[in-house]
PDB file of N, CA and C in Angstrom:
ATOM      1  N   MET A   1      42.428 224.914 176.754  1.00  0.00           N
ATOM      2  CA  MET A   1      42.738 223.526 176.443  1.00  0.00           C
ATOM      3  C   MET A   1      43.721 223.452 175.277  1.00  0.00           C
ATOM      4  N   GLU A   2      43.518 224.260 174.253  1.00  0.00           N
ATOM      5  CA  GLU A   2      44.424 224.218 173.099  1.00  0.00           C
ATOM      6  C   GLU A   2      45.843 224.604 173.500  1.00  0.00           C
ATOM      7  N   GLU A   3      45.950 225.505 174.478  1.00  0.00           N
ATOM      8  CA  GLU A   3      47.278 225.904 174.947  1.00  0.00           C
ATOM      9  C   GLU A   3      47.992 224.717 175.595  1.00  0.00           C
ATOM     10  N   ILE A   4      47.267 223.944 176.384  1.00  0.00           N
ATOM     11  CA  ILE A   4      47.841 222.744 177.012  1.00  0.00           C
ATOM     12  C   ILE A   4      48.280 221.765 175.927  1.00  0.00           C
ATOM     13  N   GLU A   5      47.405 221.521 174.948  1.00  0.00           N
ATOM     14  CA  GLU A   5      47.736 220.589 173.859  1.00  0.00           C
ATOM     15  C   GLU A   5      48.995 221.030 173.136  1.00  0.00           C
ATOM     16  N   THR A   6      49.091 222.306 172.834  1.00  0.00           N
ATOM     17  CA  THR A   6      50.248 222.838 172.114  1.00  0.00           C
ATOM     18  C   THR A   6      51.528 222.656 172.920  1.00  0.00           C
ATOM     19  N   ARG A   7      51.481 222.987 174.193  1.00  0.00           N
ATOM     20  CA  ARG A   7      52.679 222.875 175.033  1.00  0.00           C
ATOM     21  C   ARG A   7      53.102 221.419 175.216  1.00  0.00           C
ATOM     22  N   VAL A   8      52.122 220.534 175.445  1.00  0.00           N
ATOM     23  CA  VAL A   8      52.442 219.113 175.610  1.00  0.00           C
ATOM     24  C   VAL A   8      53.054 218.563 174.325  1.00  0.00           C
ATOM     25  N   THR A   9      52.443 218.873 173.191  1.00  0.00           N
ATOM     26  CA  THR A   9      52.938 218.388 171.900  1.00  0.00           C
ATOM     27  C   THR A   9      54.347 218.900 171.629  1.00  0.00           C
ATOM     28  N   GLU A  10      54.600 220.149 171.996  1.00  0.00           N
ATOM     29  CA  GLU A  10      55.934 220.729 171.796  1.00  0.00           C
ATOM     30  C   GLU A  10      56.990 219.969 172.605  1.00  0.00           C
ATOM     31  N   VAL A  11      56.693 219.662 173.851  1.00  0.00           N
ATOM     32  CA  VAL A  11      57.646 218.914 174.683  1.00  0.00           C
ATOM     33  C   VAL A  11      57.845 217.508 174.127  1.00  0.00           C
ATOM     34  N   LEU A  12      56.753 216.839 173.798  1.00  0.00           N
ATOM     35  CA  LEU A  12      56.844 215.457 173.316  1.00  0.00           C
ATOM     36  C   LEU A  12      57.565 215.350 171.981  1.00  0.00           C
ATOM     37  N   GLY A  13      57.530 216.400 171.186  1.00  0.00           N
ATOM     38  CA  GLY A  13      58.176 216.400 169.881  1.00  0.00           C
ATOM     39  C   GLY A  13      59.680 216.195 169.935  1.00  0.00           C
ATOM     40  N   HIS A  14      60.275 216.388 171.104  1.00  0.00           N
ATOM     41  CA  HIS A  14      61.720 216.207 171.266  1.00  0.00           C
ATOM     42  C   HIS A  14      62.113 214.750 171.503  1.00  0.00           C
ATOM     43  N   TYR A  15      61.130 213.873 171.610  1.00  0.00           N
ATOM     44  CA  TYR A  15      61.392 212.463 171.927  1.00  0.00           C
ATOM     45  C   TYR A  15      61.018 211.587 170.735  1.00  0.00           C
ATOM     46  N   GLN A  16      62.026 211.155 170.005  1.00  0.00           N
ATOM     47  CA  GLN A  16      61.800 210.387 168.782  1.00  0.00           C
ATOM     48  C   GLN A  16      61.313 208.963 169.042  1.00  0.00           C
ATOM     49  N   ASN A  17      61.473 208.470 170.262  1.00  0.00           N
ATOM     50  CA  ASN A  17      61.051 207.099 170.564  1.00  0.00           C
ATOM     51  C   ASN A  17      59.551 206.977 170.835  1.00  0.00           C
ATOM     52  N   LEU A  18      58.851 208.094 170.924  1.00  0.00           N
ATOM     53  CA  LEU A  18      57.411 208.047 171.174  1.00  0.00           C
ATOM     54  C   LEU A  18      56.654 207.741 169.887  1.00  0.00           C
ATOM     55  N   ARG A  19      55.795 206.751 169.937  1.00  0.00           N
ATOM     56  CA  ARG A  19      55.010 206.353 168.767  1.00  0.00           C
ATOM     57  C   ARG A  19      53.594 206.907 168.805  1.00  0.00           C
ATOM     58  N   LEU A  20      53.082 207.181 170.017  1.00  0.00           N
ATOM     59  CA  LEU A  20      51.701 207.635 170.156  1.00  0.00           C
ATOM     60  C   LEU A  20      51.561 208.417 171.453  1.00  0.00           C
ATOM     61  N   ALA A  21      50.815 209.511 171.409  1.00  0.00           N
ATOM     62  CA  ALA A  21      50.506 210.297 172.604  1.00  0.00           C
ATOM     63  C   ALA A  21      49.044 210.708 172.535  1.00  0.00           C
ATOM     64  N   ILE A  22      48.311 210.423 173.605  1.00  0.00           N
ATOM     65  CA  ILE A  22      46.888 210.756 173.672  1.00  0.00           C
ATOM     66  C   ILE A  22      46.636 211.535 174.956  1.00  0.00           C
ATOM     67  N   LEU A  23      46.105 212.736 174.814  1.00  0.00           N
ATOM     68  CA  LEU A  23      45.697 213.557 175.947  1.00  0.00           C
ATOM     69  C   LEU A  23      44.266 213.172 176.291  1.00  0.00           C
ATOM     70  N   PHE A  24      44.006 212.863 177.563  1.00  0.00           N
ATOM     71  CA  PHE A  24      42.657 212.452 177.945  1.00  0.00           C
ATOM     72  C   PHE A  24      42.311 213.032 179.311  1.00  0.00           C
ATOM     73  N   GLY A  25      41.139 212.725 179.794  1.00  0.00           N
ATOM     74  CA  GLY A  25      40.717 213.203 181.105  1.00  0.00           C
ATOM     75  C   GLY A  25      40.082 214.573 181.044  1.00  0.00           C
ATOM     76  N   SER A  26      40.140 215.268 182.167  1.00  0.00           N
ATOM     77  CA  SER A  26      39.423 216.540 182.302  1.00  0.00           C
ATOM     78  C   SER A  26      39.918 217.617 181.348  1.00  0.00           C
ATOM     79  N   GLN A  27      41.163 217.532 180.897  1.00  0.00           N
ATOM     80  CA  GLN A  27      41.663 218.525 179.940  1.00  0.00           C
ATOM     81  C   GLN A  27      40.926 218.427 178.608  1.00  0.00           C
ATOM     82  N   ILE A  28      40.414 217.255 178.285  1.00  0.00           N
ATOM     83  CA  ILE A  28      39.701 217.047 177.026  1.00  0.00           C
ATOM     84  C   ILE A  28      38.199 217.229 177.203  1.00  0.00           C
ATOM     85  N   THR A  29      37.675 216.790 178.343  1.00  0.00           N
ATOM     86  CA  THR A  29      36.225 216.861 178.553  1.00  0.00           C
ATOM     87  C   THR A  29      35.748 218.273 178.842  1.00  0.00           C
ATOM     88  N   GLY A  30      36.687 219.168 179.118  1.00  0.00           N
ATOM     89  CA  GLY A  30      36.301 220.537 179.436  1.00  0.00           C
ATOM     90  C   GLY A  30      35.959 220.722 180.906  1.00  0.00           C
ATOM     91  N   GLU A  31      36.210 219.708 181.715  1.00  0.00           N
ATOM     92  CA  GLU A  31      35.897 219.768 183.142  1.00  0.00           C
ATOM     93  C   GLU A  31      37.114 220.123 183.990  1.00  0.00           C
ATOM     94  N   ALA A  32      38.193 220.557 183.356  1.00  0.00           N
ATOM     95  CA  ALA A  32      39.426 220.861 184.090  1.00  0.00           C
ATOM     96  C   ALA A  32      39.257 222.125 184.923  1.00  0.00           C
ATOM     97  N   SER A  33      39.782 222.063 186.125  1.00  0.00           N
ATOM     98  CA  SER A  33      39.836 223.233 186.996  1.00  0.00           C
ATOM     99  C   SER A  33      41.297 223.689 187.055  1.00  0.00           C
ATOM    100  N   PRO A  34      41.567 224.820 187.682  1.00  0.00           N
ATOM    101  CA  PRO A  34      42.965 225.252 187.786  1.00  0.00           C
ATOM    102  C   PRO A  34      43.863 224.236 188.502  1.00  0.00           C
ATOM    103  N   ALA A  35      43.272 223.371 189.319  1.00  0.00           N
ATOM    104  CA  ALA A  35      44.057 222.374 190.052  1.00  0.00           C
ATOM    105  C   ALA A  35      44.145 221.026 189.331  1.00  0.00           C
ATOM    106  N   SER A  36      43.496 220.899 188.184  1.00  0.00           N
ATOM    107  CA  SER A  36      43.465 219.610 187.474  1.00  0.00           C
ATOM    108  C   SER A  36      44.823 219.246 186.899  1.00  0.00           C
ATOM    109  N   ASP A  37      45.092 217.946 186.899  1.00  0.00           N
ATOM    110  CA  ASP A  37      46.337 217.469 186.302  1.00  0.00           C
ATOM    111  C   ASP A  37      46.153 217.239 184.806  1.00  0.00           C
ATOM    112  N   ILE A  38      47.244 216.861 184.166  1.00  0.00           N
ATOM    113  CA  ILE A  38      47.238 216.522 182.746  1.00  0.00           C
ATOM    114  C   ILE A  38      47.377 215.013 182.650  1.00  0.00           C
ATOM    115  N   ASP A  39      46.397 214.361 182.046  1.00  0.00           N
ATOM    116  CA  ASP A  39      46.424 212.910 181.859  1.00  0.00           C
ATOM    117  C   ASP A  39      46.906 212.618 180.448  1.00  0.00           C
ATOM    118  N   LEU A  40      47.943 211.806 180.356  1.00  0.00           N
ATOM    119  CA  LEU A  40      48.584 211.561 179.075  1.00  0.00           C
ATOM    120  C   LEU A  40      48.882 210.079 178.913  1.00  0.00           C
ATOM    121  N   GLY A  41      48.384 209.490 177.828  1.00  0.00           N
ATOM    122  CA  GLY A  41      48.706 208.113 177.487  1.00  0.00           C
ATOM    123  C   GLY A  41      49.819 208.113 176.453  1.00  0.00           C
ATOM    124  N   LEU A  42      50.889 207.362 176.724  1.00  0.00           N
ATOM    125  CA  LEU A  42      52.045 207.339 175.826  1.00  0.00           C
ATOM    126  C   LEU A  42      52.402 205.914 175.432  1.00  0.00           C
ATOM    127  N   LEU A  43      52.743 205.756 174.164  1.00  0.00           N
ATOM    128  CA  LEU A  43      53.249 204.488 173.648  1.00  0.00           C
ATOM    129  C   LEU A  43      54.597 204.775 173.009  1.00  0.00           C
ATOM    130  N   ALA A  44      55.621 204.055 173.460  1.00  0.00           N
ATOM    131  CA  ALA A  44      56.972 204.229 172.919  1.00  0.00           C
ATOM    132  C   ALA A  44      57.419 202.932 172.268  1.00  0.00           C
ATOM    133  N   GLU A  45      58.639 202.942 171.755  1.00  0.00           N
ATOM    134  CA  GLU A  45      59.189 201.749 171.112  1.00  0.00           C
ATOM    135  C   GLU A  45      59.378 200.606 172.102  1.00  0.00           C
ATOM    136  N   SER A  46      59.515 200.939 173.387  1.00  0.00           N
ATOM    137  CA  SER A  46      59.614 199.934 174.449  1.00  0.00           C
ATOM    138  C   SER A  46      58.870 200.488 175.665  1.00  0.00           C
ATOM    139  N   PRO A  47      58.565 199.647 176.655  1.00  0.00           N
ATOM    140  CA  PRO A  47      57.867 200.154 177.843  1.00  0.00           C
ATOM    141  C   PRO A  47      58.605 201.340 178.459  1.00  0.00           C
ATOM    142  N   LEU A  48      57.852 202.264 179.011  1.00  0.00           N
ATOM    143  CA  LEU A  48      58.425 203.477 179.582  1.00  0.00           C
ATOM    144  C   LEU A  48      59.094 203.169 180.920  1.00  0.00           C
ATOM    145  N   SER A  49      60.330 203.605 181.065  1.00  0.00           N
ATOM    146  CA  SER A  49      61.020 203.435 182.343  1.00  0.00           C
ATOM    147  C   SER A  49      60.512 204.491 183.324  1.00  0.00           C
ATOM    148  N   ALA A  50      60.710 204.224 184.601  1.00  0.00           N
ATOM    149  CA  ALA A  50      60.309 205.190 185.628  1.00  0.00           C
ATOM    150  C   ALA A  50      61.065 206.505 185.445  1.00  0.00           C
ATOM    151  N   ALA A  51      62.340 206.421 185.105  1.00  0.00           N
ATOM    152  CA  ALA A  51      63.149 207.629 184.915  1.00  0.00           C
ATOM    153  C   ALA A  51      62.638 208.456 183.733  1.00  0.00           C
ATOM    154  N   PHE A  52      62.256 207.780 182.649  1.00  0.00           N
ATOM    155  CA  PHE A  52      61.748 208.485 181.473  1.00  0.00           C
ATOM    156  C   PHE A  52      60.410 209.147 181.791  1.00  0.00           C
ATOM    157  N   LYS A  53      59.528 208.428 182.488  1.00  0.00           N
ATOM    158  CA  LYS A  53      58.236 209.017 182.864  1.00  0.00           C
ATOM    159  C   LYS A  53      58.436 210.225 183.771  1.00  0.00           C
ATOM    160  N   LEU A  54      59.347 210.111 184.726  1.00  0.00           N
ATOM    161  CA  LEU A  54      59.617 211.225 185.631  1.00  0.00           C
ATOM    162  C   LEU A  54      60.144 212.434 184.864  1.00  0.00           C
ATOM    163  N   GLU A  55      61.045 212.198 183.928  1.00  0.00           N
ATOM    164  CA  GLU A  55      61.581 213.291 183.107  1.00  0.00           C
ATOM    165  C   GLU A  55      60.464 213.993 182.338  1.00  0.00           C
ATOM    166  N   LEU A  56      59.600 213.203 181.704  1.00  0.00           N
ATOM    167  CA  LEU A  56      58.491 213.792 180.952  1.00  0.00           C
ATOM    168  C   LEU A  56      57.523 214.533 181.867  1.00  0.00           C
ATOM    169  N   MET A  57      57.223 213.950 183.009  1.00  0.00           N
ATOM    170  CA  MET A  57      56.314 214.599 183.954  1.00  0.00           C
ATOM    171  C   MET A  57      56.871 215.949 184.397  1.00  0.00           C
ATOM    172  N   GLN A  58      58.172 216.012 184.642  1.00  0.00           N
ATOM    173  CA  GLN A  58      58.797 217.264 185.062  1.00  0.00           C
ATOM    174  C   GLN A  58      58.792 218.294 183.938  1.00  0.00           C
ATOM    175  N   LYS A  59      59.151 217.878 182.730  1.00  0.00           N
ATOM    176  CA  LYS A  59      59.227 218.830 181.613  1.00  0.00           C
ATOM    177  C   LYS A  59      57.845 219.331 181.198  1.00  0.00           C
ATOM    178  N   ILE A  60      56.880 218.426 181.104  1.00  0.00           N
ATOM    179  CA  ILE A  60      55.525 218.842 180.729  1.00  0.00           C
ATOM    180  C   ILE A  60      54.909 219.674 181.850  1.00  0.00           C
ATOM    181  N   GLY A  61      55.136 219.248 183.087  1.00  0.00           N
ATOM    182  CA  GLY A  61      54.626 220.008 184.227  1.00  0.00           C
ATOM    183  C   GLY A  61      55.174 221.423 184.259  1.00  0.00           C
ATOM    184  N   ALA A  62      56.466 221.568 183.981  1.00  0.00           N
ATOM    185  CA  ALA A  62      57.081 222.898 183.956  1.00  0.00           C
ATOM    186  C   ALA A  62      56.526 223.736 182.807  1.00  0.00           C
ATOM    187  N   ALA A  63      56.298 223.114 181.661  1.00  0.00           N
ATOM    188  CA  ALA A  63      55.790 223.845 180.494  1.00  0.00           C
ATOM    189  C   ALA A  63      54.338 224.275 180.670  1.00  0.00           C
ATOM    190  N   CYS A  64      53.564 223.485 181.408  1.00  0.00           N
ATOM    191  CA  CYS A  64      52.121 223.735 181.521  1.00  0.00           C
ATOM    192  C   CYS A  64      51.694 224.265 182.883  1.00  0.00           C
ATOM    193  N   GLY A  65      52.570 224.167 183.872  1.00  0.00           N
ATOM    194  CA  GLY A  65      52.211 224.635 185.202  1.00  0.00           C
ATOM    195  C   GLY A  65      51.186 223.760 185.901  1.00  0.00           C
ATOM    196  N   ARG A  66      51.173 222.480 185.560  1.00  0.00           N
ATOM    197  CA  ARG A  66      50.222 221.532 186.162  1.00  0.00           C
ATOM    198  C   ARG A  66      50.924 220.204 186.410  1.00  0.00           C
ATOM    199  N   PRO A  67      50.424 219.444 187.379  1.00  0.00           N
ATOM    200  CA  PRO A  67      50.961 218.090 187.548  1.00  0.00           C
ATOM    201  C   PRO A  67      50.564 217.213 186.365  1.00  0.00           C
ATOM    202  N   VAL A  68      51.349 216.180 186.126  1.00  0.00           N
ATOM    203  CA  VAL A  68      51.143 215.313 184.961  1.00  0.00           C
ATOM    204  C   VAL A  68      51.052 213.864 185.418  1.00  0.00           C
ATOM    205  N   ASP A  69      50.092 213.150 184.863  1.00  0.00           N
ATOM    206  CA  ASP A  69      49.939 211.715 185.109  1.00  0.00           C
ATOM    207  C   ASP A  69      50.130 211.005 183.775  1.00  0.00           C
ATOM    208  N   ILE A  70      51.067 210.061 183.722  1.00  0.00           N
ATOM    209  CA  ILE A  70      51.376 209.354 182.478  1.00  0.00           C
ATOM    210  C   ILE A  70      50.968 207.895 182.588  1.00  0.00           C
ATOM    211  N   VAL A  71      50.251 207.421 181.577  1.00  0.00           N
ATOM    212  CA  VAL A  71      49.857 206.019 181.462  1.00  0.00           C
ATOM    213  C   VAL A  71      50.663 205.411 180.325  1.00  0.00           C
ATOM    214  N   ASP A  72      51.383 204.331 180.610  1.00  0.00           N
ATOM    215  CA  ASP A  72      52.154 203.620 179.588  1.00  0.00           C
ATOM    216  C   ASP A  72      51.188 202.725 178.816  1.00  0.00           C
ATOM    217  N   LEU A  73      50.911 203.080 177.585  1.00  0.00           N
ATOM    218  CA  LEU A  73      49.920 202.356 176.788  1.00  0.00           C
ATOM    219  C   LEU A  73      50.374 200.962 176.384  1.00  0.00           C
ATOM    220  N   SER A  74      51.671 200.674 176.509  1.00  0.00           N
ATOM    221  CA  SER A  74      52.132 199.324 176.168  1.00  0.00           C
ATOM    222  C   SER A  74      51.702 198.304 177.215  1.00  0.00           C
ATOM    223  N   ILE A  75      51.425 198.764 178.430  1.00  0.00           N
ATOM    224  CA  ILE A  75      51.029 197.846 179.496  1.00  0.00           C
ATOM    225  C   ILE A  75      49.655 198.163 180.086  1.00  0.00           C
ATOM    226  N   ALA A  76      49.042 199.247 179.651  1.00  0.00           N
ATOM    227  CA  ALA A  76      47.730 199.631 180.195  1.00  0.00           C
ATOM    228  C   ALA A  76      46.671 198.622 179.781  1.00  0.00           C
ATOM    229  N   GLY A  77      45.798 198.331 180.704  1.00  0.00           N
ATOM    230  CA  GLY A  77      44.702 197.419 180.420  1.00  0.00           C
ATOM    231  C   GLY A  77      43.367 198.116 180.564  1.00  0.00           C
ATOM    232  N   GLU A  78      42.344 197.317 180.607  1.00  0.00           N
ATOM    233  CA  GLU A  78      40.993 197.835 180.773  1.00  0.00           C
ATOM    234  C   GLU A  78      40.710 198.022 182.265  1.00  0.00           C
ATOM    235  N   PRO A  79      39.943 198.991 182.639  1.00  0.00           N
ATOM    236  CA  PRO A  79      39.183 199.921 181.811  1.00  0.00           C
ATOM    237  C   PRO A  79      39.917 201.215 181.474  1.00  0.00           C
ATOM    238  N   ILE A  80      41.173 201.388 181.967  1.00  0.00           N
ATOM    239  CA  ILE A  80      41.883 202.649 181.734  1.00  0.00           C
ATOM    240  C   ILE A  80      42.104 202.911 180.251  1.00  0.00           C
ATOM    241  N   LEU A  81      42.346 201.865 179.471  1.00  0.00           N
ATOM    242  CA  LEU A  81      42.571 202.059 178.039  1.00  0.00           C
ATOM    243  C   LEU A  81      41.334 202.659 177.373  1.00  0.00           C
ATOM    244  N   GLY A  82      40.169 202.249 177.827  1.00  0.00           N
ATOM    245  CA  GLY A  82      38.926 202.831 177.311  1.00  0.00           C
ATOM    246  C   GLY A  82      38.825 204.314 177.615  1.00  0.00           C
ATOM    247  N   GLU A  83      39.293 204.716 178.788  1.00  0.00           N
ATOM    248  CA  GLU A  83      39.284 206.136 179.144  1.00  0.00           C
ATOM    249  C   GLU A  83      40.245 206.921 178.261  1.00  0.00           C
ATOM    250  N   VAL A  84      41.389 206.331 177.978  1.00  0.00           N
ATOM    251  CA  VAL A  84      42.377 206.991 177.123  1.00  0.00           C
ATOM    252  C   VAL A  84      41.784 207.261 175.744  1.00  0.00           C
ATOM    253  N   PHE A  85      41.039 206.302 175.208  1.00  0.00           N
ATOM    254  CA  PHE A  85      40.487 206.466 173.859  1.00  0.00           C
ATOM    255  C   PHE A  85      39.366 207.495 173.778  1.00  0.00           C
ATOM    256  N   LYS A  86      38.945 208.037 174.898  1.00  0.00           N
ATOM    257  CA  LYS A  86      38.001 209.158 174.885  1.00  0.00           C
ATOM    258  C   LYS A  86      38.738 210.474 174.666  1.00  0.00           C
ATOM    259  N   GLY A  87      40.067 210.401 174.619  1.00  0.00           N
ATOM    260  CA  GLY A  87      40.894 211.593 174.495  1.00  0.00           C
ATOM    261  C   GLY A  87      41.205 211.968 173.061  1.00  0.00           C
ATOM    262  N   ARG A  88      42.241 212.793 172.929  1.00  0.00           N
ATOM    263  CA  ARG A  88      42.643 213.317 171.620  1.00  0.00           C
ATOM    264  C   ARG A  88      44.093 212.936 171.342  1.00  0.00           C
ATOM    265  N   ARG A  89      44.306 212.383 170.154  1.00  0.00           N
ATOM    266  CA  ARG A  89      45.659 211.987 169.741  1.00  0.00           C
ATOM    267  C   ARG A  89      46.479 213.234 169.433  1.00  0.00           C
ATOM    268  N   LEU A  90      47.637 213.333 170.076  1.00  0.00           N
ATOM    269  CA  LEU A  90      48.544 214.458 169.841  1.00  0.00           C
ATOM    270  C   LEU A  90      49.689 214.076 168.923  1.00  0.00           C
ATOM    271  N   LEU A  91      50.180 212.849 169.071  1.00  0.00           N
ATOM    272  CA  LEU A  91      51.274 212.336 168.251  1.00  0.00           C
ATOM    273  C   LEU A  91      50.942 210.923 167.821  1.00  0.00           C
ATOM    274  N   GLY A  92      51.496 210.527 166.694  1.00  0.00           N
ATOM    275  CA  GLY A  92      51.354 209.147 166.246  1.00  0.00           C
ATOM    276  C   GLY A  92      50.531 209.038 164.980  1.00  0.00           C
ATOM    277  N   ASP A  93      50.831 207.992 164.218  1.00  0.00           N
ATOM    278  CA  ASP A  93      50.123 207.801 162.955  1.00  0.00           C
ATOM    279  C   ASP A  93      48.853 206.978 163.162  1.00  0.00           C
ATOM    280  N   ALA A  94      48.036 206.971 162.141  1.00  0.00           N
ATOM    281  CA  ALA A  94      46.746 206.284 162.207  1.00  0.00           C
ATOM    282  C   ALA A  94      46.906 204.782 162.395  1.00  0.00           C
ATOM    283  N   SER A  95      47.946 204.198 161.825  1.00  0.00           N
ATOM    284  CA  SER A  95      48.159 202.759 161.931  1.00  0.00           C
ATOM    285  C   SER A  95      48.460 202.343 163.372  1.00  0.00           C
ATOM    286  N   THR A  96      49.332 203.076 164.037  1.00  0.00           N
ATOM    287  CA  THR A  96      49.661 202.780 165.435  1.00  0.00           C
ATOM    288  C   THR A  96      48.428 202.941 166.313  1.00  0.00           C
ATOM    289  N   TYR A  97      47.681 204.009 166.071  1.00  0.00           N
ATOM    290  CA  TYR A  97      46.446 204.262 166.816  1.00  0.00           C
ATOM    291  C   TYR A  97      45.453 203.119 166.595  1.00  0.00           C
ATOM    292  N   ALA A  98      45.314 202.679 165.356  1.00  0.00           N
ATOM    293  CA  ALA A  98      44.372 201.605 165.024  1.00  0.00           C
ATOM    294  C   ALA A  98      44.769 200.281 165.672  1.00  0.00           C
ATOM    295  N   GLN A  99      46.057 199.992 165.721  1.00  0.00           N
ATOM    296  CA  GLN A  99      46.518 198.754 166.366  1.00  0.00           C
ATOM    297  C   GLN A  99      46.173 198.745 167.851  1.00  0.00           C
ATOM    298  N   LEU A 100      46.397 199.874 168.506  1.00  0.00           N
ATOM    299  CA  LEU A 100      46.077 199.960 169.928  1.00  0.00           C
ATOM    300  C   LEU A 100      44.564 199.922 170.150  1.00  0.00           C
ATOM    301  N   LEU A 101      43.824 200.578 169.280  1.00  0.00           N
ATOM    302  CA  LEU A 101      42.363 200.550 169.379  1.00  0.00           C
ATOM    303  C   LEU A 101      41.835 199.135 169.195  1.00  0.00           C
ATOM    304  N   SER A 102      42.413 198.396 168.280  1.00  0.00           N
ATOM    305  CA  SER A 102      42.018 197.004 168.064  1.00  0.00           C
ATOM    306  C   SER A 102      42.256 196.179 169.328  1.00  0.00           C
ATOM    307  N   ARG A 103      43.417 196.373 169.955  1.00  0.00           N
ATOM    308  CA  ARG A 103      43.702 195.666 171.208  1.00  0.00           C
ATOM    309  C   ARG A 103      42.678 196.019 172.278  1.00  0.00           C
ATOM    310  N   HIS A 104      42.339 197.302 172.353  1.00  0.00           N
ATOM    311  CA  HIS A 104      41.341 197.758 173.330  1.00  0.00           C
ATOM    312  C   HIS A 104      39.985 197.094 173.085  1.00  0.00           C
ATOM    313  N   LEU A 105      39.546 197.053 171.848  1.00  0.00           N
ATOM    314  CA  LEU A 105      38.237 196.470 171.540  1.00  0.00           C
ATOM    315  C   LEU A 105      38.194 194.983 171.875  1.00  0.00           C
ATOM    316  N   ILE A 106      39.253 194.273 171.545  1.00  0.00           N
ATOM    317  CA  ILE A 106      39.311 192.836 171.862  1.00  0.00           C
ATOM    318  C   ILE A 106      39.357 192.630 173.375  1.00  0.00           C
ATOM    319  N   ASP A 107      40.226 193.378 174.047  1.00  0.00           N
ATOM    320  CA  ASP A 107      40.347 193.227 175.496  1.00  0.00           C
ATOM    321  C   ASP A 107      39.063 193.612 176.217  1.00  0.00           C
ATOM    322  N   SER A 108      38.423 194.679 175.759  1.00  0.00           N
ATOM    323  CA  SER A 108      37.207 195.109 176.452  1.00  0.00           C
ATOM    324  C   SER A 108      36.072 194.116 176.252  1.00  0.00           C
ATOM    325  N   SER A 109      36.003 193.494 175.092  1.00  0.00           N
ATOM    326  CA  SER A 109      34.939 192.501 174.883  1.00  0.00           C
ATOM    327  C   SER A 109      35.216 191.232 175.675  1.00  0.00           C
ATOM    328  N   ASP A 110      36.488 190.934 175.930  1.00  0.00           N
ATOM    329  CA  ASP A 110      36.847 189.758 176.728  1.00  0.00           C
ATOM    330  C   ASP A 110      36.806 190.037 178.230  1.00  0.00           C
ATOM    331  N   PHE A 111      37.344 191.184 178.632  1.00  0.00           N
ATOM    332  CA  PHE A 111      37.578 191.455 180.043  1.00  0.00           C
ATOM    333  C   PHE A 111      36.419 192.154 180.743  1.00  0.00           C
ATOM    334  N   LEU A 112      35.835 193.162 180.125  1.00  0.00           N
ATOM    335  CA  LEU A 112      34.849 193.981 180.823  1.00  0.00           C
ATOM    336  C   LEU A 112      33.611 193.211 181.266  1.00  0.00           C
ATOM    337  N   PRO A 113      33.058 192.292 180.476  1.00  0.00           N
ATOM    338  CA  PRO A 113      31.908 191.536 181.002  1.00  0.00           C
ATOM    339  C   PRO A 113      32.263 190.749 182.271  1.00  0.00           C
ATOM    340  N   LEU A 114      33.435 190.153 182.304  1.00  0.00           N
ATOM    341  CA  LEU A 114      33.879 189.426 183.491  1.00  0.00           C
ATOM    342  C   LEU A 114      34.059 190.387 184.663  1.00  0.00           C
ATOM    343  N   HIS A 115      34.668 191.522 184.407  1.00  0.00           N
ATOM    344  CA  HIS A 115      34.881 192.538 185.436  1.00  0.00           C
ATOM    345  C   HIS A 115      33.546 192.994 186.025  1.00  0.00           C
ATOM    346  N   ARG A 116      32.576 193.264 185.164  1.00  0.00           N
ATOM    347  CA  ARG A 116      31.250 193.694 185.629  1.00  0.00           C
ATOM    348  C   ARG A 116      30.575 192.601 186.461  1.00  0.00           C
ATOM    349  N   ARG A 117      30.712 191.352 186.027  1.00  0.00           N
ATOM    350  CA  ARG A 117      30.105 190.245 186.769  1.00  0.00           C
ATOM    351  C   ARG A 117      30.728 190.108 188.159  1.00  0.00           C
ATOM    352  N   ILE A 118      32.041 190.213 188.234  1.00  0.00           N
ATOM    353  CA  ILE A 118      32.723 190.123 189.527  1.00  0.00           C
ATOM    354  C   ILE A 118      32.277 191.252 190.451  1.00  0.00           C
ATOM    355  N   LEU A 119      32.195 192.465 189.920  1.00  0.00           N
ATOM    356  CA  LEU A 119      31.746 193.593 190.735  1.00  0.00           C
ATOM    357  C   LEU A 119      30.312 193.395 191.213  1.00  0.00           C
ATOM    358  N   ALA A 120      29.449 192.894 190.336  1.00  0.00           N
ATOM    359  CA  ALA A 120      28.057 192.645 190.721  1.00  0.00           C
ATOM    360  C   ALA A 120      27.977 191.589 191.817  1.00  0.00           C
ATOM    361  N   GLU A 121      28.762 190.523 191.692  1.00  0.00           N
ATOM    362  CA  GLU A 121      28.771 189.475 192.716  1.00  0.00           C
ATOM    363  C   GLU A 121      29.279 190.016 194.048  1.00  0.00           C
ATOM    364  N   ARG A 122      30.310 190.828 194.016  1.00  0.00           N
ATOM    365  CA  ARG A 122      30.832 191.420 195.250  1.00  0.00           C
ATOM    366  C   ARG A 122      29.807 192.352 195.885  1.00  0.00           C
ATOM    367  N   ARG A 123      29.139 193.144 195.057  1.00  0.00           N
ATOM    368  CA  ARG A 123      28.116 194.061 195.553  1.00  0.00           C
ATOM    369  C   ARG A 123      26.988 193.285 196.219  1.00  0.00           C
ATOM    370  N   GLU A 124      26.537 192.218 195.572  1.00  0.00           N
ATOM    371  CA  GLU A 124      25.470 191.384 196.134  1.00  0.00           C
ATOM    372  C   GLU A 124      25.909 190.755 197.450  1.00  0.00           C
ATOM    373  N   ALA A 125      27.124 190.245 197.514  1.00  0.00           N
ATOM    374  CA  ALA A 125      27.633 189.640 198.745  1.00  0.00           C
ATOM    375  C   ALA A 125      27.718 190.674 199.861  1.00  0.00           C
ATOM    376  N   TRP A 126      28.150 191.860 199.529  1.00  0.00           N
ATOM    377  CA  TRP A 126      28.249 192.928 200.519  1.00  0.00           C
ATOM    378  C   TRP A 126      26.873 193.323 201.032  1.00  0.00           C
ATOM    379  N   MET A 127      25.899 193.397 200.141  1.00  0.00           N
ATOM    380  CA  MET A 127      24.544 193.791 200.544  1.00  0.00           C
ATOM    381  C   MET A 127      23.892 192.722 201.423  1.00  0.00           C
ATOM    382  N   ARG A 128      24.245 191.460 201.208  1.00  0.00           N
ATOM    383  CA  ARG A 128      23.681 190.375 202.015  1.00  0.00           C
ATOM    384  C   ARG A 128      24.316 190.298 203.400  1.00  0.00           C
ATOM    385  N   SER A 129      25.512 190.842 203.537  1.00  0.00           N
ATOM    386  CA  SER A 129      26.211 190.719 204.830  1.00  0.00           C
ATOM    387  C   SER A 129      25.798 191.776 205.831  1.00  0.00           C
TER     388      SER A 129
END
């Protein structure tokens, strides 16, 4: 796992527009298999373009020998943002991390109860049918 973190951080270090990078998913939980991808949450000065994400996916994938999945933290919502925060920060200062964490806490307290209620109602409707 540390080797993956080192290689990802090395690639990301070449991009000055990145404000925050968080490695999450199976690479952090220790559940990664040889076929597991690399899950990476990124926050830049502006939303990530498709071309920029593709470039990063190719470079990180080549450096690590694994497929890469990138989540743009500027537009990510719940519950994916909660999953990202279970990961490890590779780049970015504490202030940027705290601002995003604050957004996550507010959004999760507003959105997740509604999301759970909708899922429960759908489940009940499905069971009755």
